[in-house]
């Protein structure tokens, strides 16, 4: 039996972390604290993105989760990420689809 696909859980946790950066959490906080918290969240999300982008998901659920993440990245209005996480993610999705199609 193969190991479970880690991608859906990683994407879900990434989304949870990103959405924890909701502006409502900041009411009454000093600006310096808001900036520090935002920076921590952005760094954690980037770590998730890069980790997920470097995995070829072994299941259809994992590939779908990666696709959802790719849509999230492009919805942020970025044409291209400097660390190429969007391109790496697209390549991982293509490789995963090819692998599933060949089985």
N, C-alpha and C. Protein backbone atom coordinates (compact mmCIF):
# COMPACT_ATOMS: atom_id res chain seq x y z
N UNK A 1 0.84 -1.18 0.00
CA UNK A 1 0.00 0.00 0.00
C UNK A 1 0.89 1.24 0.00
N UNK A 2 0.54 2.21 -0.85
CA UNK A 2 1.36 3.42 -0.93
C UNK A 2 0.99 4.41 0.16
N UNK A 3 1.93 5.30 0.44
CA UNK A 3 1.71 6.32 1.47
C UNK A 3 0.62 7.29 1.00
N UNK A 4 -0.12 7.85 1.93
CA UNK A 4 -1.15 8.82 1.54
C UNK A 4 -0.52 10.07 0.92
N UNK A 5 -1.26 10.69 0.02
CA UNK A 5 -0.81 11.90 -0.65
C UNK A 5 -0.81 13.06 0.35
N UNK A 6 0.34 13.70 0.58
CA UNK A 6 0.40 14.79 1.56
C UNK A 6 -0.13 16.13 1.02
N UNK A 7 -0.30 16.23 -0.29
CA UNK A 7 -0.61 17.54 -0.90
C UNK A 7 -1.95 18.13 -0.43
N UNK A 8 -3.06 17.38 -0.42
CA UNK A 8 -4.32 18.01 0.02
C UNK A 8 -4.22 18.62 1.42
N UNK A 9 -3.58 17.92 2.34
CA UNK A 9 -3.46 18.46 3.70
C UNK A 9 -2.54 19.68 3.74
N UNK A 10 -1.48 19.67 2.95
CA UNK A 10 -0.57 20.83 2.90
C UNK A 10 -1.28 22.05 2.33
N UNK A 11 -2.06 21.84 1.27
CA UNK A 11 -2.79 22.96 0.67
C UNK A 11 -3.84 23.49 1.64
N UNK A 12 -4.54 22.60 2.32
CA UNK A 12 -5.56 23.03 3.30
C UNK A 12 -4.92 23.84 4.42
N UNK A 13 -3.77 23.38 4.91
CA UNK A 13 -3.09 24.11 5.99
C UNK A 13 -2.57 25.45 5.48
N UNK A 14 -2.07 25.49 4.26
CA UNK A 14 -1.60 26.75 3.66
C UNK A 14 -2.76 27.75 3.58
N UNK A 15 -3.92 27.29 3.12
CA UNK A 15 -5.09 28.17 3.01
C UNK A 15 -5.53 28.65 4.40
N UNK A 16 -5.48 27.76 5.38
CA UNK A 16 -5.86 28.15 6.74
C UNK A 16 -4.93 29.25 7.25
N UNK A 17 -3.64 29.06 7.05
CA UNK A 17 -2.66 30.06 7.51
C UNK A 17 -2.89 31.38 6.79
N UNK A 18 -3.06 31.33 5.47
CA UNK A 18 -3.26 32.56 4.70
C UNK A 18 -4.51 33.30 5.16
N UNK A 19 -5.59 32.57 5.35
CA UNK A 19 -6.84 33.22 5.73
C UNK A 19 -6.86 33.62 7.21
N UNK A 20 -5.88 33.16 7.98
CA UNK A 20 -5.77 33.63 9.37
C UNK A 20 -5.24 35.05 9.41
N UNK A 21 -4.78 35.55 8.27
CA UNK A 21 -4.25 36.90 8.17
C UNK A 21 -5.37 37.89 7.87
N UNK A 22 -6.55 37.60 8.35
CA UNK A 22 -7.73 38.42 8.13
C UNK A 22 -7.61 39.74 8.88
N UNK A 23 -8.01 40.81 8.25
CA UNK A 23 -7.92 42.14 8.84
C UNK A 23 -8.66 42.28 10.15
N UNK A 24 -9.73 41.50 10.37
CA UNK A 24 -10.50 41.60 11.61
C UNK A 24 -9.65 41.24 12.84
N UNK A 25 -8.62 40.43 12.63
CA UNK A 25 -7.75 40.04 13.74
C UNK A 25 -6.91 41.21 14.25
N UNK A 26 -6.81 42.25 13.44
CA UNK A 26 -5.88 43.34 13.74
C UNK A 26 -6.52 44.53 14.44
N UNK A 27 -7.80 44.50 14.66
CA UNK A 27 -8.44 45.66 15.27
C UNK A 27 -7.84 45.94 16.64
N UNK A 28 -7.39 47.16 16.81
CA UNK A 28 -6.80 47.58 18.08
C UNK A 28 -5.33 47.28 18.23
N UNK A 29 -4.71 46.60 17.27
CA UNK A 29 -3.29 46.29 17.37
C UNK A 29 -2.45 47.46 16.85
N UNK A 30 -1.30 47.71 17.47
CA UNK A 30 -0.40 48.74 16.94
C UNK A 30 0.10 48.34 15.55
N UNK A 31 0.39 49.32 14.71
CA UNK A 31 0.83 49.06 13.34
C UNK A 31 2.06 48.17 13.26
N UNK A 32 3.02 48.35 14.18
CA UNK A 32 4.23 47.51 14.16
C UNK A 32 3.88 46.04 14.37
N UNK A 33 2.94 45.76 15.26
CA UNK A 33 2.52 44.38 15.51
C UNK A 33 1.81 43.80 14.29
N UNK A 34 1.00 44.62 13.63
CA UNK A 34 0.29 44.17 12.43
C UNK A 34 1.30 43.81 11.35
N UNK A 35 2.30 44.65 11.15
CA UNK A 35 3.31 44.38 10.12
C UNK A 35 4.11 43.11 10.43
N UNK A 36 4.47 42.92 11.70
CA UNK A 36 5.22 41.72 12.08
C UNK A 36 4.39 40.46 11.84
N UNK A 37 3.13 40.50 12.27
CA UNK A 37 2.26 39.34 12.09
C UNK A 37 2.05 39.04 10.62
N UNK A 38 1.81 40.08 9.83
CA UNK A 38 1.61 39.89 8.39
C UNK A 38 2.84 39.28 7.74
N UNK A 39 4.01 39.75 8.12
CA UNK A 39 5.25 39.22 7.55
C UNK A 39 5.44 37.75 7.90
N UNK A 40 5.13 37.39 9.12
CA UNK A 40 5.24 35.98 9.55
C UNK A 40 4.30 35.11 8.73
N UNK A 41 3.07 35.57 8.53
CA UNK A 41 2.09 34.80 7.76
C UNK A 41 2.56 34.66 6.31
N UNK A 42 3.03 35.74 5.72
CA UNK A 42 3.48 35.70 4.32
C UNK A 42 4.66 34.73 4.18
N UNK A 43 5.58 34.74 5.12
CA UNK A 43 6.73 33.84 5.07
C UNK A 43 6.30 32.38 5.21
N UNK A 44 5.37 32.11 6.12
CA UNK A 44 4.88 30.73 6.30
C UNK A 44 4.16 30.25 5.04
N UNK A 45 3.35 31.12 4.46
CA UNK A 45 2.63 30.75 3.24
C UNK A 45 3.61 30.47 2.11
N UNK A 46 4.65 31.28 1.99
CA UNK A 46 5.66 31.05 0.95
C UNK A 46 6.35 29.71 1.15
N UNK A 47 6.61 29.34 2.40
CA UNK A 47 7.20 28.03 2.68
C UNK A 47 6.28 26.90 2.22
N UNK A 48 4.99 27.02 2.53
CA UNK A 48 4.02 26.02 2.07
C UNK A 48 3.99 25.98 0.54
N UNK A 49 3.89 27.16 -0.09
CA UNK A 49 3.81 27.22 -1.55
C UNK A 49 5.00 26.52 -2.19
N UNK A 50 6.19 26.83 -1.71
CA UNK A 50 7.39 26.24 -2.30
C UNK A 50 7.46 24.74 -2.06
N UNK A 51 7.06 24.31 -0.89
CA UNK A 51 7.06 22.86 -0.61
C UNK A 51 6.06 22.14 -1.52
N UNK A 52 4.87 22.70 -1.65
CA UNK A 52 3.82 22.09 -2.47
C UNK A 52 4.22 22.11 -3.95
N UNK A 53 4.86 23.18 -4.38
CA UNK A 53 5.28 23.30 -5.78
C UNK A 53 6.34 22.28 -6.17
N UNK A 54 7.07 21.78 -5.19
CA UNK A 54 8.15 20.83 -5.46
C UNK A 54 7.72 19.38 -5.32
N UNK A 55 6.42 19.13 -5.15
CA UNK A 55 5.90 17.77 -5.02
C UNK A 55 5.11 17.43 -6.29
N UNK A 56 5.36 16.26 -6.84
CA UNK A 56 4.49 15.71 -7.88
C UNK A 56 3.46 14.87 -7.14
N UNK A 57 2.25 15.38 -7.07
CA UNK A 57 1.19 14.69 -6.30
C UNK A 57 0.91 13.32 -6.89
N UNK A 58 0.81 12.31 -6.04
CA UNK A 58 0.57 10.95 -6.53
C UNK A 58 -0.91 10.60 -6.71
N UNK A 59 -1.80 11.55 -6.44
CA UNK A 59 -3.23 11.24 -6.56
C UNK A 59 -3.97 12.37 -7.26
N UNK A 60 -5.15 12.03 -7.75
CA UNK A 60 -5.99 13.04 -8.38
C UNK A 60 -6.37 14.13 -7.38
N UNK A 61 -6.63 13.75 -6.13
CA UNK A 61 -6.97 14.74 -5.10
C UNK A 61 -5.82 15.71 -4.88
N UNK A 62 -4.61 15.20 -4.89
CA UNK A 62 -3.44 16.05 -4.72
C UNK A 62 -3.26 17.01 -5.88
N UNK A 63 -3.47 16.50 -7.09
CA UNK A 63 -3.35 17.35 -8.27
C UNK A 63 -4.43 18.43 -8.25
N UNK A 64 -5.64 18.07 -7.87
CA UNK A 64 -6.71 19.07 -7.76
C UNK A 64 -6.37 20.13 -6.70
N UNK A 65 -5.80 19.71 -5.60
CA UNK A 65 -5.41 20.66 -4.55
C UNK A 65 -4.33 21.60 -5.08
N UNK A 66 -3.37 21.07 -5.83
CA UNK A 66 -2.35 21.92 -6.42
C UNK A 66 -2.96 22.90 -7.42
N UNK A 67 -3.93 22.44 -8.18
CA UNK A 67 -4.60 23.32 -9.13
C UNK A 67 -5.32 24.45 -8.40
N UNK A 68 -5.99 24.12 -7.29
CA UNK A 68 -6.66 25.15 -6.49
C UNK A 68 -5.64 26.17 -5.98
N UNK A 69 -4.48 25.70 -5.56
CA UNK A 69 -3.44 26.61 -5.10
C UNK A 69 -2.94 27.49 -6.25
N UNK A 70 -2.75 26.90 -7.42
CA UNK A 70 -2.32 27.69 -8.57
C UNK A 70 -3.32 28.79 -8.88
N UNK A 71 -4.60 28.46 -8.80
CA UNK A 71 -5.64 29.48 -9.02
C UNK A 71 -5.55 30.57 -7.96
N UNK A 72 -5.30 30.19 -6.73
CA UNK A 72 -5.15 31.17 -5.65
C UNK A 72 -3.96 32.09 -5.92
N UNK A 73 -2.86 31.52 -6.37
CA UNK A 73 -1.67 32.32 -6.66
C UNK A 73 -1.93 33.31 -7.79
N UNK A 74 -2.62 32.87 -8.83
CA UNK A 74 -2.88 33.77 -9.95
C UNK A 74 -3.98 34.77 -9.61
N UNK A 75 -4.88 34.41 -8.70
CA UNK A 75 -5.92 35.35 -8.27
C UNK A 75 -5.34 36.51 -7.46
N UNK A 76 -4.13 36.32 -6.93
CA UNK A 76 -3.50 37.39 -6.17
C UNK A 76 -3.02 38.52 -7.08
N UNK A 77 -3.18 38.34 -8.39
CA UNK A 77 -2.83 39.40 -9.33
C UNK A 77 -1.38 39.39 -9.78
N UNK A 78 -0.64 38.40 -9.36
CA UNK A 78 0.76 38.32 -9.77
C UNK A 78 0.84 37.68 -11.15
N UNK A 79 1.60 38.30 -12.04
CA UNK A 79 1.83 37.70 -13.35
C UNK A 79 2.84 36.58 -13.24
N UNK A 80 3.82 36.77 -12.38
CA UNK A 80 4.88 35.78 -12.23
C UNK A 80 5.54 35.98 -10.87
N UNK A 81 5.73 34.91 -10.12
CA UNK A 81 6.38 34.99 -8.82
C UNK A 81 7.89 34.94 -9.01
N UNK A 82 8.62 35.73 -8.26
CA UNK A 82 10.08 35.81 -8.43
C UNK A 82 10.77 34.49 -8.15
N UNK A 83 10.20 33.67 -7.28
CA UNK A 83 10.82 32.37 -6.98
C UNK A 83 10.27 31.26 -7.89
N UNK A 84 9.48 31.65 -8.88
CA UNK A 84 8.91 30.72 -9.86
C UNK A 84 8.01 29.66 -9.26
N UNK A 85 7.44 29.91 -8.09
CA UNK A 85 6.58 28.89 -7.48
C UNK A 85 5.38 28.58 -8.36
N UNK A 86 4.89 29.58 -9.09
CA UNK A 86 3.75 29.34 -9.97
C UNK A 86 4.12 28.42 -11.13
N UNK A 87 5.28 28.64 -11.71
CA UNK A 87 5.75 27.79 -12.82
C UNK A 87 6.06 26.37 -12.34
N UNK A 88 6.71 26.27 -11.19
CA UNK A 88 7.04 24.95 -10.64
C UNK A 88 5.78 24.18 -10.31
N UNK A 89 4.78 24.90 -9.78
CA UNK A 89 3.51 24.27 -9.45
C UNK A 89 2.82 23.76 -10.71
N UNK A 90 2.81 24.56 -11.77
CA UNK A 90 2.21 24.14 -13.03
C UNK A 90 2.93 22.91 -13.59
N UNK A 91 4.24 22.88 -13.48
CA UNK A 91 5.00 21.72 -13.96
C UNK A 91 4.68 20.47 -13.13
N UNK A 92 4.55 20.63 -11.82
CA UNK A 92 4.19 19.50 -10.96
C UNK A 92 2.81 18.96 -11.33
N UNK A 93 1.88 19.86 -11.63
CA UNK A 93 0.54 19.44 -12.03
C UNK A 93 0.60 18.67 -13.34
N UNK A 94 1.32 19.21 -14.33
CA UNK A 94 1.45 18.52 -15.61
C UNK A 94 2.07 17.14 -15.45
N UNK A 95 3.13 17.05 -14.65
CA UNK A 95 3.80 15.76 -14.44
C UNK A 95 2.85 14.78 -13.75
N UNK A 96 2.12 15.25 -12.76
CA UNK A 96 1.18 14.39 -12.05
C UNK A 96 0.07 13.90 -12.95
N UNK A 97 -0.44 14.78 -13.82
CA UNK A 97 -1.48 14.36 -14.76
C UNK A 97 -0.96 13.34 -15.75
N UNK A 98 0.26 13.55 -16.23
CA UNK A 98 0.86 12.57 -17.15
C UNK A 98 1.02 11.22 -16.46
N UNK A 99 1.45 11.25 -15.21
CA UNK A 99 1.66 10.01 -14.46
C UNK A 99 0.32 9.28 -14.28
N UNK A 100 -0.73 10.01 -13.93
CA UNK A 100 -2.05 9.37 -13.76
C UNK A 100 -2.57 8.83 -15.08
N UNK A 101 -2.34 9.56 -16.15
CA UNK A 101 -2.85 9.14 -17.47
C UNK A 101 -2.15 7.87 -17.95
N UNK A 102 -0.92 7.65 -17.51
CA UNK A 102 -0.18 6.49 -17.99
C UNK A 102 -0.45 5.23 -17.19
N UNK A 103 -1.25 5.34 -16.12
CA UNK A 103 -1.51 4.15 -15.30
C UNK A 103 -2.81 3.48 -15.71
